[in-house]
Amino acid sequence: TGNKSPMGKLLIFNVLSEVVREFELTENEGSILWNGTD
């Protein structure tokens, strides 16, 4: 996008639609390693 601000976010939520974890994405391509914690 050309922005240096966060490019997006990755949300992890449970079957009740409750957000368990949120990751701010600052790169246009990458990986998130989730260790199963809230």
ModelCIF file with pLDDT and N, C-alpha, C, O atoms, coordinates in Angstrom:
data_MODEL
#
_entry.id   MODEL 
#
_entity.id                         1 
_entity.type                       polymer 
_entity.pdbx_number_of_molecules   1 
#
_entity_poly.entity_id                      1 
_entity_poly.type                           'polypeptide(L)' 
_entity_poly.nstd_linkage                   no 
_entity_poly.nstd_monomer                   no 
_entity_poly.pdbx_seq_one_letter_code       TGNKSPMGKLLIFNVLSEVVREFELTENEGSILWNGTD 
_entity_poly.pdbx_seq_one_letter_code_can   TGNKSPMGKLLIFNVLSEVVREFELTENEGSILWNGTD 
_entity_poly.pdbx_strand_id                 A 
#
loop_
_entity_poly_seq.entity_id 
_entity_poly_seq.num 
_entity_poly_seq.mon_id 
_entity_poly_seq.hetero 
1 1  THR n 
1 2  GLY n 
1 3  ASN n 
1 4  LYS n 
1 5  SER n 
1 6  PRO n 
1 7  MET n 
1 8  GLY n 
1 9  LYS n 
1 10 LEU n 
1 11 LEU n 
1 12 ILE n 
1 13 PHE n 
1 14 ASN n 
1 15 VAL n 
1 16 LEU n 
1 17 SER n 
1 18 GLU n 
1 19 VAL n 
1 20 VAL n 
1 21 ARG n 
1 22 GLU n 
1 23 PHE n 
1 24 GLU n 
1 25 LEU n 
1 26 THR n 
1 27 GLU n 
1 28 ASN n 
1 29 GLU n 
1 30 GLY n 
1 31 SER n 
1 32 ILE n 
1 33 LEU n 
1 34 TRP n 
1 35 ASN n 
1 36 GLY n 
1 37 THR n 
1 38 ASP n 
#
_struct_asym.id          A 
_struct_asym.entity_id   1 
#
loop_
_ma_qa_metric.id 
_ma_qa_metric.mode 
_ma_qa_metric.name 
_ma_qa_metric.software_group_id 
_ma_qa_metric.type 
1 global pLDDT . pLDDT 
2 local  pLDDT . pLDDT 
#
_ma_qa_metric_global.metric_id      1 
_ma_qa_metric_global.metric_value   89.47 
_ma_qa_metric_global.model_id       1 
_ma_qa_metric_global.ordinal_id     1 
#
loop_
_ma_qa_metric_local.label_asym_id 
_ma_qa_metric_local.label_comp_id 
_ma_qa_metric_local.label_seq_id 
_ma_qa_metric_local.metric_id 
_ma_qa_metric_local.metric_value 
_ma_qa_metric_local.model_id 
_ma_qa_metric_local.ordinal_id 
A THR 1  2 61.00 1 1  
A GLY 2  2 62.00 1 2  
A ASN 3  2 60.00 1 3  
A LYS 4  2 60.00 1 4  
A SER 5  2 65.00 1 5  
A PRO 6  2 72.00 1 6  
A MET 7  2 84.00 1 7  
A GLY 8  2 90.00 1 8  
A LYS 9  2 94.00 1 9  
A LEU 10 2 96.00 1 10 
A LEU 11 2 97.00 1 11 
A ILE 12 2 97.00 1 12 
A PHE 13 2 96.00 1 13 
A ASN 14 2 97.00 1 14 
A VAL 15 2 95.00 1 15 
A LEU 16 2 96.00 1 16 
A SER 17 2 94.00 1 17 
A GLU 18 2 95.00 1 18 
A VAL 19 2 96.00 1 19 
A VAL 20 2 97.00 1 20 
A ARG 21 2 97.00 1 21 
A GLU 22 2 96.00 1 22 
A PHE 23 2 96.00 1 23 
A GLU 24 2 94.00 1 24 
A LEU 25 2 92.00 1 25 
A THR 26 2 90.00 1 26 
A GLU 27 2 89.00 1 27 
A ASN 28 2 89.00 1 28 
A GLU 29 2 92.00 1 29 
A GLY 30 2 93.00 1 30 
A SER 31 2 96.00 1 31 
A ILE 32 2 95.00 1 32 
A LEU 33 2 96.00 1 33 
A TRP 34 2 97.00 1 34 
A ASN 35 2 96.00 1 35 
A GLY 36 2 96.00 1 36 
A THR 37 2 96.00 1 37 
A ASP 38 2 96.00 1 38 
#
loop_
_atom_site.group_PDB 
_atom_site.id 
_atom_site.type_symbol 
_atom_site.label_atom_id 
_atom_site.label_alt_id 
_atom_site.label_comp_id 
_atom_site.label_asym_id 
_atom_site.label_entity_id 
_atom_site.label_seq_id 
_atom_site.pdbx_PDB_ins_code 
_atom_site.Cartn_x 
_atom_site.Cartn_y 
_atom_site.Cartn_z 
_atom_site.occupancy 
_atom_site.B_iso_or_equiv 
_atom_site.pdbx_formal_charge 
_atom_site.auth_seq_id 
_atom_site.auth_comp_id 
_atom_site.auth_asym_id 
_atom_site.auth_atom_id 
_atom_site.pdbx_PDB_model_num 
ATOM 1   N N  . THR A 1 1  ? 0.804   -1.223  0.000  1.00 61.00 ? 1  THR A N  1 
ATOM 2   C CA . THR A 1 1  ? 0.000   0.000   0.000  1.00 61.00 ? 1  THR A CA 1 
ATOM 3   C C  . THR A 1 1  ? 0.835   1.269   0.000  1.00 61.00 ? 1  THR A C  1 
ATOM 4   O O  . THR A 1 1  ? 0.319   2.347   -0.295 1.00 61.00 ? 1  THR A O  1 
ATOM 5   N N  . GLY A 1 2  ? 2.126   1.158   0.329  1.00 62.00 ? 2  GLY A N  1 
ATOM 6   C CA . GLY A 1 2  ? 2.957   2.346   0.412  1.00 62.00 ? 2  GLY A CA 1 
ATOM 7   C C  . GLY A 1 2  ? 2.954   2.957   1.807  1.00 62.00 ? 2  GLY A C  1 
ATOM 8   O O  . GLY A 1 2  ? 3.803   3.791   2.123  1.00 62.00 ? 2  GLY A O  1 
ATOM 9   N N  . ASN A 1 3  ? 2.006   2.547   2.641  1.00 60.00 ? 3  ASN A N  1 
ATOM 10  C CA . ASN A 1 3  ? 1.961   3.029   4.017  1.00 60.00 ? 3  ASN A CA 1 
ATOM 11  C C  . ASN A 1 3  ? 3.019   2.336   4.851  1.00 60.00 ? 3  ASN A C  1 
ATOM 12  O O  . ASN A 1 3  ? 3.337   1.169   4.620  1.00 60.00 ? 3  ASN A O  1 
ATOM 13  N N  . LYS A 1 4  ? 3.559   3.049   5.813  1.00 60.00 ? 4  LYS A N  1 
ATOM 14  C CA . LYS A 1 4  ? 4.493   2.436   6.755  1.00 60.00 ? 4  LYS A CA 1 
ATOM 15  C C  . LYS A 1 4  ? 3.750   1.991   8.016  1.00 60.00 ? 4  LYS A C  1 
ATOM 16  O O  . LYS A 1 4  ? 4.321   1.315   8.871  1.00 60.00 ? 4  LYS A O  1 
ATOM 17  N N  . SER A 1 5  ? 2.491   2.370   8.124  1.00 65.00 ? 5  SER A N  1 
ATOM 18  C CA . SER A 1 5  ? 1.669   1.966   9.266  1.00 65.00 ? 5  SER A CA 1 
ATOM 19  C C  . SER A 1 5  ? 1.268   0.499   9.092  1.00 65.00 ? 5  SER A C  1 
ATOM 20  O O  . SER A 1 5  ? 1.559   -0.093  8.053  1.00 65.00 ? 5  SER A O  1 
ATOM 21  N N  . PRO A 1 6  ? 0.607   -0.099  10.088 1.00 72.00 ? 6  PRO A N  1 
ATOM 22  C CA . PRO A 1 6  ? 0.199   -1.505  9.957  1.00 72.00 ? 6  PRO A CA 1 
ATOM 23  C C  . PRO A 1 6  ? -0.572  -1.744  8.661  1.00 72.00 ? 6  PRO A C  1 
ATOM 24  O O  . PRO A 1 6  ? -1.448  -0.966  8.282  1.00 72.00 ? 6  PRO A O  1 
ATOM 25  N N  . MET A 1 7  ? -0.224  -2.833  8.002  1.00 84.00 ? 7  MET A N  1 
ATOM 26  C CA . MET A 1 7  ? -0.851  -3.170  6.725  1.00 84.00 ? 7  MET A CA 1 
ATOM 27  C C  . MET A 1 7  ? -2.140  -3.948  6.925  1.00 84.00 ? 7  MET A C  1 
ATOM 28  O O  . MET A 1 7  ? -2.944  -4.078  6.002  1.00 84.00 ? 7  MET A O  1 
ATOM 29  N N  . GLY A 1 8  ? -2.333  -4.458  8.119  1.00 90.00 ? 8  GLY A N  1 
ATOM 30  C CA . GLY A 1 8  ? -3.517  -5.251  8.408  1.00 90.00 ? 8  GLY A CA 1 
ATOM 31  C C  . GLY A 1 8  ? -3.371  -5.944  9.741  1.00 90.00 ? 8  GLY A C  1 
ATOM 32  O O  . GLY A 1 8  ? -2.471  -5.645  10.525 1.00 90.00 ? 8  GLY A O  1 
ATOM 33  N N  . LYS A 1 9  ? -4.277  -6.880  9.984  1.00 94.00 ? 9  LYS A N  1 
ATOM 34  C CA . LYS A 1 9  ? -4.177  -7.643  11.228 1.00 94.00 ? 9  LYS A CA 1 
ATOM 35  C C  . LYS A 1 9  ? -4.676  -9.059  10.993 1.00 94.00 ? 9  LYS A C  1 
ATOM 36  O O  . LYS A 1 9  ? -5.460  -9.332  10.084 1.00 94.00 ? 9  LYS A O  1 
ATOM 37  N N  . LEU A 1 10 ? -4.193  -9.941  11.841 1.00 96.00 ? 10 LEU A N  1 
ATOM 38  C CA . LEU A 1 10 ? -4.626  -11.319 11.834 1.00 96.00 ? 10 LEU A CA 1 
ATOM 39  C C  . LEU A 1 10 ? -5.261  -11.593 13.188 1.00 96.00 ? 10 LEU A C  1 
ATOM 40  O O  . LEU A 1 10 ? -4.615  -11.464 14.228 1.00 96.00 ? 10 LEU A O  1 
ATOM 41  N N  . LEU A 1 11 ? -6.530  -11.971 13.165 1.00 97.00 ? 11 LEU A N  1 
ATOM 42  C CA . LEU A 1 11 ? -7.278  -12.255 14.383 1.00 97.00 ? 11 LEU A CA 1 
ATOM 43  C C  . LEU A 1 11 ? -7.471  -13.751 14.527 1.00 97.00 ? 11 LEU A C  1 
ATOM 44  O O  . LEU A 1 11 ? -7.742  -14.439 13.542 1.00 97.00 ? 11 LEU A O  1 
ATOM 45  N N  . ILE A 1 12 ? -7.338  -14.256 15.723 1.00 97.00 ? 12 ILE A N  1 
ATOM 46  C CA . ILE A 1 12 ? -7.646  -15.652 16.016 1.00 97.00 ? 12 ILE A CA 1 
ATOM 47  C C  . ILE A 1 12 ? -8.801  -15.638 16.993 1.00 97.00 ? 12 ILE A C  1 
ATOM 48  O O  . ILE A 1 12 ? -8.737  -14.970 18.025 1.00 97.00 ? 12 ILE A O  1 
ATOM 49  N N  . PHE A 1 13 ? -9.863  -16.374 16.675 1.00 96.00 ? 13 PHE A N  1 
ATOM 50  C CA . PHE A 1 13 ? -11.014 -16.393 17.568 1.00 96.00 ? 13 PHE A CA 1 
ATOM 51  C C  . PHE A 1 13 ? -11.570 -17.794 17.698 1.00 96.00 ? 13 PHE A C  1 
ATOM 52  O O  . PHE A 1 13 ? -11.312 -18.670 16.873 1.00 96.00 ? 13 PHE A O  1 
ATOM 53  N N  . ASN A 1 14 ? -12.346 -17.985 18.765 1.00 97.00 ? 14 ASN A N  1 
ATOM 54  C CA . ASN A 1 14 ? -12.911 -19.305 19.061 1.00 97.00 ? 14 ASN A CA 1 
ATOM 55  C C  . ASN A 1 14 ? -14.278 -19.476 18.403 1.00 97.00 ? 14 ASN A C  1 
ATOM 56  O O  . ASN A 1 14 ? -14.739 -18.597 17.675 1.00 97.00 ? 14 ASN A O  1 
ATOM 57  N N  . VAL A 1 15 ? -14.923 -20.615 18.665 1.00 95.00 ? 15 VAL A N  1 
ATOM 58  C CA . VAL A 1 15 ? -16.216 -20.904 18.035 1.00 95.00 ? 15 VAL A CA 1 
ATOM 59  C C  . VAL A 1 15 ? -17.334 -19.999 18.548 1.00 95.00 ? 15 VAL A C  1 
ATOM 60  O O  . VAL A 1 15 ? -18.412 -19.957 17.956 1.00 95.00 ? 15 VAL A O  1 
ATOM 61  N N  . LEU A 1 16 ? -17.091 -19.275 19.641 1.00 96.00 ? 16 LEU A N  1 
ATOM 62  C CA . LEU A 1 16 ? -18.077 -18.315 20.149 1.00 96.00 ? 16 LEU A CA 1 
ATOM 63  C C  . LEU A 1 16 ? -17.831 -16.913 19.588 1.00 96.00 ? 16 LEU A C  1 
ATOM 64  O O  . LEU A 1 16 ? -18.449 -15.945 20.030 1.00 96.00 ? 16 LEU A O  1 
ATOM 65  N N  . SER A 1 17 ? -16.926 -16.812 18.614 1.00 94.00 ? 17 SER A N  1 
ATOM 66  C CA . SER A 1 17 ? -16.543 -15.541 17.977 1.00 94.00 ? 17 SER A CA 1 
ATOM 67  C C  . SER A 1 17 ? -15.832 -14.585 18.926 1.00 94.00 ? 17 SER A C  1 
ATOM 68  O O  . SER A 1 17 ? -15.815 -13.377 18.689 1.00 94.00 ? 17 SER A O  1 
ATOM 69  N N  . GLU A 1 18 ? -15.248 -15.111 19.993 1.00 95.00 ? 18 GLU A N  1 
ATOM 70  C CA . GLU A 1 18 ? -14.469 -14.288 20.918 1.00 95.00 ? 18 GLU A CA 1 
ATOM 71  C C  . GLU A 1 18 ? -13.026 -14.243 20.424 1.00 95.00 ? 18 GLU A C  1 
ATOM 72  O O  . GLU A 1 18 ? -12.425 -15.277 20.131 1.00 95.00 ? 18 GLU A O  1 
ATOM 73  N N  . VAL A 1 19 ? -12.469 -13.006 20.335 1.00 96.00 ? 19 VAL A N  1 
ATOM 74  C CA . VAL A 1 19 ? -11.091 -12.865 19.885 1.00 96.00 ? 19 VAL A CA 1 
ATOM 75  C C  . VAL A 1 19 ? -10.167 -13.420 20.962 1.00 96.00 ? 19 VAL A C  1 
ATOM 76  O O  . VAL A 1 19 ? -10.207 -12.994 22.116 1.00 96.00 ? 19 VAL A O  1 
ATOM 77  N N  . VAL A 1 20 ? -9.340  -14.374 20.566 1.00 97.00 ? 20 VAL A N  1 
ATOM 78  C CA . VAL A 1 20 ? -8.394  -15.027 21.467 1.00 97.00 ? 20 VAL A CA 1 
ATOM 79  C C  . VAL A 1 20 ? -7.044  -14.324 21.408 1.00 97.00 ? 20 VAL A C  1 
ATOM 80  O O  . VAL A 1 20 ? -6.382  -14.136 22.428 1.00 97.00 ? 20 VAL A O  1 
ATOM 81  N N  . ARG A 1 21 ? -6.648  -13.938 20.199 1.00 97.00 ? 21 ARG A N  1 
ATOM 82  C CA . ARG A 1 21 ? -5.343  -13.315 19.987 1.00 97.00 ? 21 ARG A CA 1 
ATOM 83  C C  . ARG A 1 21 ? -5.415  -12.425 18.765 1.00 97.00 ? 21 ARG A C  1 
ATOM 84  O O  . ARG A 1 21 ? -6.180  -12.701 17.841 1.00 97.00 ? 21 ARG A O  1 
ATOM 85  N N  . GLU A 1 22 ? -4.627  -11.360 18.745 1.00 96.00 ? 22 GLU A N  1 
ATOM 86  C CA . GLU A 1 22 ? -4.586  -10.444 17.605 1.00 96.00 ? 22 GLU A CA 1 
ATOM 87  C C  . GLU A 1 22 ? -3.134  -10.112 17.286 1.00 96.00 ? 22 GLU A C  1 
ATOM 88  O O  . GLU A 1 22 ? -2.342  -9.816  18.181 1.00 96.00 ? 22 GLU A O  1 
ATOM 89  N N  . PHE A 1 23 ? -2.795  -10.164 16.005 1.00 96.00 ? 23 PHE A N  1 
ATOM 90  C CA . PHE A 1 23 ? -1.451  -9.840  15.544 1.00 96.00 ? 23 PHE A CA 1 
ATOM 91  C C  . PHE A 1 23 ? -1.525  -8.671  14.576 1.00 96.00 ? 23 PHE A C  1 
ATOM 92  O O  . PHE A 1 23 ? -2.331  -8.685  13.646 1.00 96.00 ? 23 PHE A O  1 
ATOM 93  N N  . GLU A 1 24 ? -0.691  -7.660  14.787 1.00 94.00 ? 24 GLU A N  1 
ATOM 94  C CA . GLU A 1 24 ? -0.586  -6.528  13.880 1.00 94.00 ? 24 GLU A CA 1 
ATOM 95  C C  . GLU A 1 24 ? 0.387   -6.908  12.771 1.00 94.00 ? 24 GLU A C  1 
ATOM 96  O O  . GLU A 1 24 ? 1.490   -7.378  13.051 1.00 94.00 ? 24 GLU A O  1 
ATOM 97  N N  . LEU A 1 25 ? -0.005  -6.711  11.526 1.00 92.00 ? 25 LEU A N  1 
ATOM 98  C CA . LEU A 1 25 ? 0.833   -7.079  10.390 1.00 92.00 ? 25 LEU A CA 1 
ATOM 99  C C  . LEU A 1 25 ? 1.502   -5.831  9.839  1.00 92.00 ? 25 LEU A C  1 
ATOM 100 O O  . LEU A 1 25 ? 0.828   -4.924  9.352  1.00 92.00 ? 25 LEU A O  1 
ATOM 101 N N  . THR A 1 26 ? 2.819   -5.782  9.913  1.00 90.00 ? 26 THR A N  1 
ATOM 102 C CA . THR A 1 26 ? 3.571   -4.611  9.463  1.00 90.00 ? 26 THR A CA 1 
ATOM 103 C C  . THR A 1 26 ? 4.322   -4.869  8.161  1.00 90.00 ? 26 THR A C  1 
ATOM 104 O O  . THR A 1 26 ? 4.911   -3.948  7.595  1.00 90.00 ? 26 THR A O  1 
ATOM 105 N N  . GLU A 1 27 ? 4.309   -6.100  7.684  1.00 89.00 ? 27 GLU A N  1 
ATOM 106 C CA . GLU A 1 27 ? 4.955   -6.463  6.426  1.00 89.00 ? 27 GLU A CA 1 
ATOM 107 C C  . GLU A 1 27 ? 3.884   -6.906  5.436  1.00 89.00 ? 27 GLU A C  1 
ATOM 108 O O  . GLU A 1 27 ? 2.839   -7.417  5.839  1.00 89.00 ? 27 GLU A O  1 
ATOM 109 N N  . ASN A 1 28 ? 4.138   -6.712  4.136  1.00 89.00 ? 28 ASN A N  1 
ATOM 110 C CA . ASN A 1 28 ? 3.132   -7.113  3.151  1.00 89.00 ? 28 ASN A CA 1 
ATOM 111 C C  . ASN A 1 28 ? 3.143   -8.618  2.886  1.00 89.00 ? 28 ASN A C  1 
ATOM 112 O O  . ASN A 1 28 ? 2.240   -9.140  2.232  1.00 89.00 ? 28 ASN A O  1 
ATOM 113 N N  . GLU A 1 29 ? 4.156   -9.313  3.390  1.00 92.00 ? 29 GLU A N  1 
ATOM 114 C CA . GLU A 1 29 ? 4.218   -10.764 3.242  1.00 92.00 ? 29 GLU A CA 1 
ATOM 115 C C  . GLU A 1 29 ? 4.949   -11.330 4.446  1.00 92.00 ? 29 GLU A C  1 
ATOM 116 O O  . GLU A 1 29 ? 5.965   -10.785 4.878  1.00 92.00 ? 29 GLU A O  1 
ATOM 117 N N  . GLY A 1 30 ? 4.429   -12.427 4.989  1.00 93.00 ? 30 GLY A N  1 
ATOM 118 C CA . GLY A 1 30 ? 5.105   -13.004 6.135  1.00 93.00 ? 30 GLY A CA 1 
ATOM 119 C C  . GLY A 1 30 ? 4.359   -14.181 6.718  1.00 93.00 ? 30 GLY A C  1 
ATOM 120 O O  . GLY A 1 30 ? 3.451   -14.748 6.110  1.00 93.00 ? 30 GLY A O  1 
ATOM 121 N N  . SER A 1 31 ? 4.781   -14.528 7.930  1.00 96.00 ? 31 SER A N  1 
ATOM 122 C CA . SER A 1 31 ? 4.207   -15.653 8.655  1.00 96.00 ? 31 SER A CA 1 
ATOM 123 C C  . SER A 1 31 ? 3.962   -15.261 10.092 1.00 96.00 ? 31 SER A C  1 
ATOM 124 O O  . SER A 1 31 ? 4.708   -14.477 10.678 1.00 96.00 ? 31 SER A O  1 
ATOM 125 N N  . ILE A 1 32 ? 2.912   -15.816 10.647 1.00 95.00 ? 32 ILE A N  1 
ATOM 126 C CA . ILE A 1 32 ? 2.615   -15.676 12.067 1.00 95.00 ? 32 ILE A CA 1 
ATOM 127 C C  . ILE A 1 32 ? 2.778   -17.065 12.671 1.00 95.00 ? 32 ILE A C  1 
ATOM 128 O O  . ILE A 1 32 ? 2.238   -18.041 12.150 1.00 95.00 ? 32 ILE A O  1 
ATOM 129 N N  . LEU A 1 33 ? 3.509   -17.151 13.752 1.00 96.00 ? 33 LEU A N  1 
ATOM 130 C CA . LEU A 1 33 ? 3.624   -18.413 14.476 1.00 96.00 ? 33 LEU A CA 1 
ATOM 131 C C  . LEU A 1 33 ? 2.783   -18.264 15.739 1.00 96.00 ? 33 LEU A C  1 
ATOM 132 O O  . LEU A 1 33 ? 3.097   -17.462 16.618 1.00 96.00 ? 33 LEU A O  1 
ATOM 133 N N  . TRP A 1 34 ? 1.704   -19.052 15.816 1.00 97.00 ? 34 TRP A N  1 
ATOM 134 C CA . TRP A 1 34 ? 0.815   -18.991 16.980 1.00 97.00 ? 34 TRP A CA 1 
ATOM 135 C C  . TRP A 1 34 ? 1.079   -20.202 17.855 1.00 97.00 ? 34 TRP A C  1 
ATOM 136 O O  . TRP A 1 34 ? 1.030   -21.343 17.397 1.00 97.00 ? 34 TRP A O  1 
ATOM 137 N N  . ASN A 1 35 ? 1.360   -19.934 19.117 1.00 96.00 ? 35 ASN A N  1 
ATOM 138 C CA . ASN A 1 35 ? 1.706   -20.999 20.054 1.00 96.00 ? 35 ASN A CA 1 
ATOM 139 C C  . ASN A 1 35 ? 0.520   -21.475 20.894 1.00 96.00 ? 35 ASN A C  1 
ATOM 140 O O  . ASN A 1 35 ? 0.714   -22.127 21.919 1.00 96.00 ? 35 ASN A O  1 
ATOM 141 N N  . GLY A 1 36 ? -0.692  -21.159 20.475 1.00 96.00 ? 36 GLY A N  1 
ATOM 142 C CA . GLY A 1 36 ? -1.876  -21.644 21.178 1.00 96.00 ? 36 GLY A CA 1 
ATOM 143 C C  . GLY A 1 36 ? -2.167  -20.933 22.480 1.00 96.00 ? 36 GLY A C  1 
ATOM 144 O O  . GLY A 1 36 ? -2.808  -21.493 23.370 1.00 96.00 ? 36 GLY A O  1 
ATOM 145 N N  . THR A 1 37 ? -1.691  -19.682 22.600 1.00 96.00 ? 37 THR A N  1 
ATOM 146 C CA . THR A 1 37 ? -1.968  -18.908 23.811 1.00 96.00 ? 37 THR A CA 1 
ATOM 147 C C  . THR A 1 37 ? -2.884  -17.733 23.483 1.00 96.00 ? 37 THR A C  1 
ATOM 148 O O  . THR A 1 37 ? -2.947  -17.268 22.345 1.00 96.00 ? 37 THR A O  1 
ATOM 149 N N  . ASP A 1 38 ? -3.592  -17.266 24.513 1.00 96.00 ? 38 ASP A N  1 
ATOM 150 C CA . ASP A 1 38 ? -4.479  -16.113 24.329 1.00 96.00 ? 38 ASP A CA 1 
ATOM 151 C C  . ASP A 1 38 ? -3.696  -14.820 24.529 1.00 96.00 ? 38 ASP A C  1 
ATOM 152 O O  . ASP A 1 38 ? -4.262  -13.732 24.417 1.00 96.00 ? 38 ASP A O  1 
#
